[in-house]
Amino acid sequence: MAHTRSRGEETKPSFKTTELIVYVLAVIGVLVASNVVGDGAANDGHDYFTADKAWWYITLLTIGYMVSRGLAKAGSRSTDRDPRTH
C-alpha cells in the first residue's frame, strides 16, 4: 500500500511572518521619528523630517516588504487544484 504525502505550502501566510512584524515596527518607527524630529520647539522651528520624507521612507519600506514576500513566494509550490487557473 502506497502512502500519499501531502505537500504543504513552502511559505507561511504573511501575517505569520517576522517580515510583517519588522515592517509594521519600521513604519511605526518612521512615523514616531517624523513626529518627534518635526517638533519645532526642539530644533529652533525647523522641520528636518517632514511628512513627505516620512511617507517616502514608508513607501520604500512597503516596496521592500512586497519584494521580500514576492521572493519568498517565488519558489513555493502551488496546491491549487482549480482547472480554471491553469
N, C-alpha and C. Protein backbone atom coordinates (compact mmCIF):
# COMPACT_ATOMS: atom_id res chain seq x y z
N MET A 1 0.84 -1.18 0.00
CA MET A 1 0.00 0.00 0.00
C MET A 1 0.89 1.24 0.00
N ALA A 2 0.64 2.12 -0.94
CA ALA A 2 1.45 3.33 -1.06
C ALA A 2 0.88 4.42 -0.16
N HIS A 3 1.77 5.10 0.47
CA HIS A 3 1.37 6.23 1.31
C HIS A 3 1.46 7.50 0.49
N THR A 4 0.43 8.31 0.57
CA THR A 4 0.49 9.60 -0.10
C THR A 4 0.84 10.65 0.93
N ARG A 5 1.73 11.46 0.55
CA ARG A 5 2.20 12.51 1.43
C ARG A 5 1.62 13.83 0.95
N SER A 6 1.03 14.58 1.85
CA SER A 6 0.51 15.89 1.44
C SER A 6 1.63 16.90 1.49
N ARG A 7 1.76 17.63 0.42
CA ARG A 7 2.79 18.66 0.36
C ARG A 7 2.18 19.97 0.81
N GLY A 8 2.77 20.56 1.82
CA GLY A 8 2.27 21.83 2.33
C GLY A 8 2.81 23.01 1.56
N GLU A 9 2.37 24.14 1.94
CA GLU A 9 2.89 25.37 1.34
C GLU A 9 4.34 25.55 1.76
N GLU A 10 5.13 26.11 0.90
CA GLU A 10 6.53 26.34 1.21
C GLU A 10 6.71 27.55 2.12
N THR A 11 5.83 28.53 1.99
CA THR A 11 5.94 29.73 2.81
C THR A 11 4.71 29.88 3.68
N LYS A 12 4.90 30.60 4.78
CA LYS A 12 3.79 30.86 5.69
C LYS A 12 2.95 32.02 5.16
N PRO A 13 1.71 32.12 5.62
CA PRO A 13 0.93 33.32 5.28
C PRO A 13 1.63 34.55 5.83
N SER A 14 1.44 35.68 5.18
CA SER A 14 2.19 36.88 5.53
C SER A 14 1.98 37.33 6.97
N PHE A 15 0.78 37.11 7.52
CA PHE A 15 0.52 37.58 8.88
C PHE A 15 1.24 36.74 9.94
N LYS A 16 1.84 35.62 9.54
CA LYS A 16 2.58 34.77 10.48
C LYS A 16 4.09 34.95 10.36
N THR A 17 4.55 35.89 9.57
CA THR A 17 5.98 36.03 9.32
C THR A 17 6.60 37.14 10.15
N THR A 18 7.90 37.01 10.37
CA THR A 18 8.62 38.07 11.07
C THR A 18 8.80 39.29 10.17
N GLU A 19 8.76 39.10 8.84
CA GLU A 19 8.87 40.24 7.94
C GLU A 19 7.76 41.24 8.17
N LEU A 20 6.55 40.76 8.39
CA LEU A 20 5.42 41.66 8.63
C LEU A 20 5.62 42.41 9.95
N ILE A 21 6.07 41.71 10.97
CA ILE A 21 6.28 42.36 12.26
C ILE A 21 7.34 43.44 12.14
N VAL A 22 8.45 43.13 11.47
CA VAL A 22 9.52 44.11 11.28
C VAL A 22 9.03 45.27 10.44
N TYR A 23 8.25 45.00 9.40
CA TYR A 23 7.71 46.05 8.55
C TYR A 23 6.82 47.00 9.35
N VAL A 24 5.90 46.45 10.11
CA VAL A 24 4.98 47.28 10.90
C VAL A 24 5.76 48.11 11.92
N LEU A 25 6.72 47.50 12.60
CA LEU A 25 7.52 48.24 13.58
C LEU A 25 8.34 49.34 12.90
N ALA A 26 8.86 49.08 11.70
CA ALA A 26 9.64 50.09 10.98
C ALA A 26 8.75 51.26 10.57
N VAL A 27 7.54 50.98 10.11
CA VAL A 27 6.62 52.05 9.73
C VAL A 27 6.26 52.89 10.95
N ILE A 28 5.98 52.23 12.06
CA ILE A 28 5.66 52.96 13.29
C ILE A 28 6.87 53.80 13.71
N GLY A 29 8.07 53.23 13.59
CA GLY A 29 9.28 53.97 13.93
C GLY A 29 9.47 55.21 13.08
N VAL A 30 9.21 55.10 11.78
CA VAL A 30 9.33 56.25 10.89
C VAL A 30 8.32 57.32 11.28
N LEU A 31 7.09 56.92 11.55
CA LEU A 31 6.06 57.89 11.92
C LEU A 31 6.38 58.58 13.25
N VAL A 32 6.86 57.82 14.22
CA VAL A 32 7.21 58.40 15.51
C VAL A 32 8.41 59.34 15.35
N ALA A 33 9.42 58.91 14.60
CA ALA A 33 10.59 59.76 14.39
C ALA A 33 10.22 61.05 13.68
N SER A 34 9.34 60.95 12.70
CA SER A 34 8.91 62.14 11.98
C SER A 34 8.18 63.10 12.91
N ASN A 35 7.38 62.56 13.80
CA ASN A 35 6.65 63.40 14.74
C ASN A 35 7.59 64.03 15.77
N VAL A 36 8.53 63.26 16.28
CA VAL A 36 9.44 63.76 17.31
C VAL A 36 10.42 64.77 16.73
N VAL A 37 11.04 64.44 15.60
CA VAL A 37 12.01 65.34 14.99
C VAL A 37 11.32 66.58 14.43
N GLY A 38 10.08 66.43 14.02
CA GLY A 38 9.35 67.55 13.45
C GLY A 38 8.85 68.55 14.47
N ASP A 39 9.09 68.30 15.75
CA ASP A 39 8.66 69.22 16.80
C ASP A 39 9.50 70.49 16.71
N GLY A 40 8.85 71.60 16.39
CA GLY A 40 9.56 72.85 16.17
C GLY A 40 10.28 73.39 17.38
N ALA A 41 9.78 73.13 18.58
CA ALA A 41 10.41 73.68 19.78
C ALA A 41 11.77 73.05 20.03
N ALA A 42 11.95 71.82 19.64
CA ALA A 42 13.19 71.12 19.92
C ALA A 42 14.31 71.49 18.95
N ASN A 43 13.96 72.00 17.76
CA ASN A 43 15.02 72.26 16.78
C ASN A 43 14.87 73.65 16.14
N ASP A 44 14.60 74.64 16.93
CA ASP A 44 14.55 76.04 16.51
C ASP A 44 13.54 76.31 15.40
N GLY A 45 12.45 75.59 15.39
CA GLY A 45 11.38 75.85 14.43
C GLY A 45 11.56 75.22 13.07
N HIS A 46 12.67 74.55 12.84
CA HIS A 46 12.90 73.91 11.54
C HIS A 46 12.42 72.47 11.59
N ASP A 47 11.69 72.09 10.56
CA ASP A 47 11.18 70.72 10.46
C ASP A 47 12.13 69.93 9.56
N TYR A 48 13.06 69.18 10.18
CA TYR A 48 14.07 68.46 9.42
C TYR A 48 13.55 67.15 8.84
N PHE A 49 12.53 66.60 9.45
CA PHE A 49 11.97 65.32 8.98
C PHE A 49 10.50 65.55 8.65
N THR A 50 10.27 66.10 7.47
CA THR A 50 8.93 66.49 7.06
C THR A 50 8.07 65.27 6.73
N ALA A 51 6.78 65.51 6.63
CA ALA A 51 5.83 64.43 6.35
C ALA A 51 6.11 63.77 5.01
N ASP A 52 6.51 64.56 4.00
CA ASP A 52 6.77 63.95 2.70
C ASP A 52 7.97 63.01 2.75
N LYS A 53 8.97 63.33 3.56
CA LYS A 53 10.10 62.41 3.74
C LYS A 53 9.66 61.14 4.45
N ALA A 54 8.83 61.30 5.47
CA ALA A 54 8.34 60.13 6.21
C ALA A 54 7.56 59.21 5.29
N TRP A 55 6.67 59.77 4.48
CA TRP A 55 5.88 58.93 3.58
C TRP A 55 6.75 58.32 2.49
N TRP A 56 7.81 59.01 2.08
CA TRP A 56 8.74 58.44 1.10
C TRP A 56 9.43 57.21 1.70
N TYR A 57 9.88 57.30 2.94
CA TYR A 57 10.51 56.16 3.59
C TYR A 57 9.52 55.01 3.80
N ILE A 58 8.28 55.34 4.11
CA ILE A 58 7.27 54.30 4.27
C ILE A 58 7.01 53.62 2.92
N THR A 59 7.00 54.40 1.85
CA THR A 59 6.83 53.82 0.51
C THR A 59 7.98 52.87 0.19
N LEU A 60 9.21 53.28 0.51
CA LEU A 60 10.36 52.40 0.27
C LEU A 60 10.28 51.14 1.11
N LEU A 61 9.86 51.27 2.37
CA LEU A 61 9.68 50.09 3.22
C LEU A 61 8.62 49.16 2.63
N THR A 62 7.55 49.73 2.12
CA THR A 62 6.47 48.92 1.54
C THR A 62 6.96 48.18 0.30
N ILE A 63 7.72 48.85 -0.55
CA ILE A 63 8.27 48.19 -1.73
C ILE A 63 9.21 47.06 -1.31
N GLY A 64 10.05 47.32 -0.33
CA GLY A 64 10.95 46.28 0.16
C GLY A 64 10.21 45.10 0.72
N TYR A 65 9.14 45.36 1.46
CA TYR A 65 8.34 44.28 2.03
C TYR A 65 7.68 43.46 0.92
N MET A 66 7.14 44.14 -0.08
CA MET A 66 6.47 43.44 -1.17
C MET A 66 7.47 42.60 -1.97
N VAL A 67 8.66 43.11 -2.18
CA VAL A 67 9.69 42.35 -2.90
C VAL A 67 10.10 41.12 -2.08
N SER A 68 10.27 41.30 -0.77
CA SER A 68 10.67 40.15 0.06
C SER A 68 9.59 39.07 0.07
N ARG A 69 8.32 39.46 0.12
CA ARG A 69 7.24 38.48 0.08
C ARG A 69 7.17 37.83 -1.30
N GLY A 70 7.41 38.60 -2.34
CA GLY A 70 7.40 38.04 -3.69
C GLY A 70 8.50 37.02 -3.88
N LEU A 71 9.69 37.34 -3.36
CA LEU A 71 10.79 36.38 -3.46
C LEU A 71 10.52 35.13 -2.63
N ALA A 72 9.89 35.30 -1.49
CA ALA A 72 9.56 34.15 -0.65
C ALA A 72 8.54 33.24 -1.34
N LYS A 73 7.61 33.85 -2.04
CA LYS A 73 6.57 33.07 -2.72
C LYS A 73 7.03 32.53 -4.07
N ALA A 74 8.11 33.07 -4.62
CA ALA A 74 8.55 32.68 -5.96
C ALA A 74 8.89 31.20 -6.05
N GLY A 75 9.42 30.63 -5.00
CA GLY A 75 9.81 29.23 -5.03
C GLY A 75 8.78 28.29 -4.45
N SER A 76 7.62 28.83 -4.08
CA SER A 76 6.61 27.98 -3.42
C SER A 76 5.84 27.16 -4.44
N ARG A 77 5.42 26.00 -4.01
CA ARG A 77 4.62 25.12 -4.86
C ARG A 77 3.16 25.54 -4.77
N SER A 78 2.47 25.43 -5.86
CA SER A 78 1.05 25.74 -5.86
C SER A 78 0.26 24.48 -5.54
N THR A 79 -0.67 24.59 -4.62
CA THR A 79 -1.53 23.45 -4.30
C THR A 79 -2.94 23.68 -4.83
N ASP A 80 -3.05 24.63 -5.74
CA ASP A 80 -4.36 24.95 -6.32
C ASP A 80 -4.76 23.85 -7.30
N ARG A 81 -5.89 23.28 -7.09
CA ARG A 81 -6.38 22.19 -7.96
C ARG A 81 -7.50 22.65 -8.89
N ASP A 82 -7.73 23.96 -8.95
CA ASP A 82 -8.78 24.51 -9.78
C ASP A 82 -8.32 24.53 -11.24
N PRO A 83 -9.02 23.82 -12.13
CA PRO A 83 -8.58 23.75 -13.54
C PRO A 83 -8.69 25.11 -14.26
N ARG A 84 -9.49 26.03 -13.74
CA ARG A 84 -9.64 27.33 -14.39
C ARG A 84 -8.39 28.19 -14.26
N THR A 85 -7.53 27.90 -13.30
CA THR A 85 -6.35 28.73 -13.08
C THR A 85 -5.11 28.20 -13.76
N HIS A 86 -5.20 27.11 -14.47
CA HIS A 86 -4.03 26.53 -15.13
C HIS A 86 -3.94 26.92 -16.56
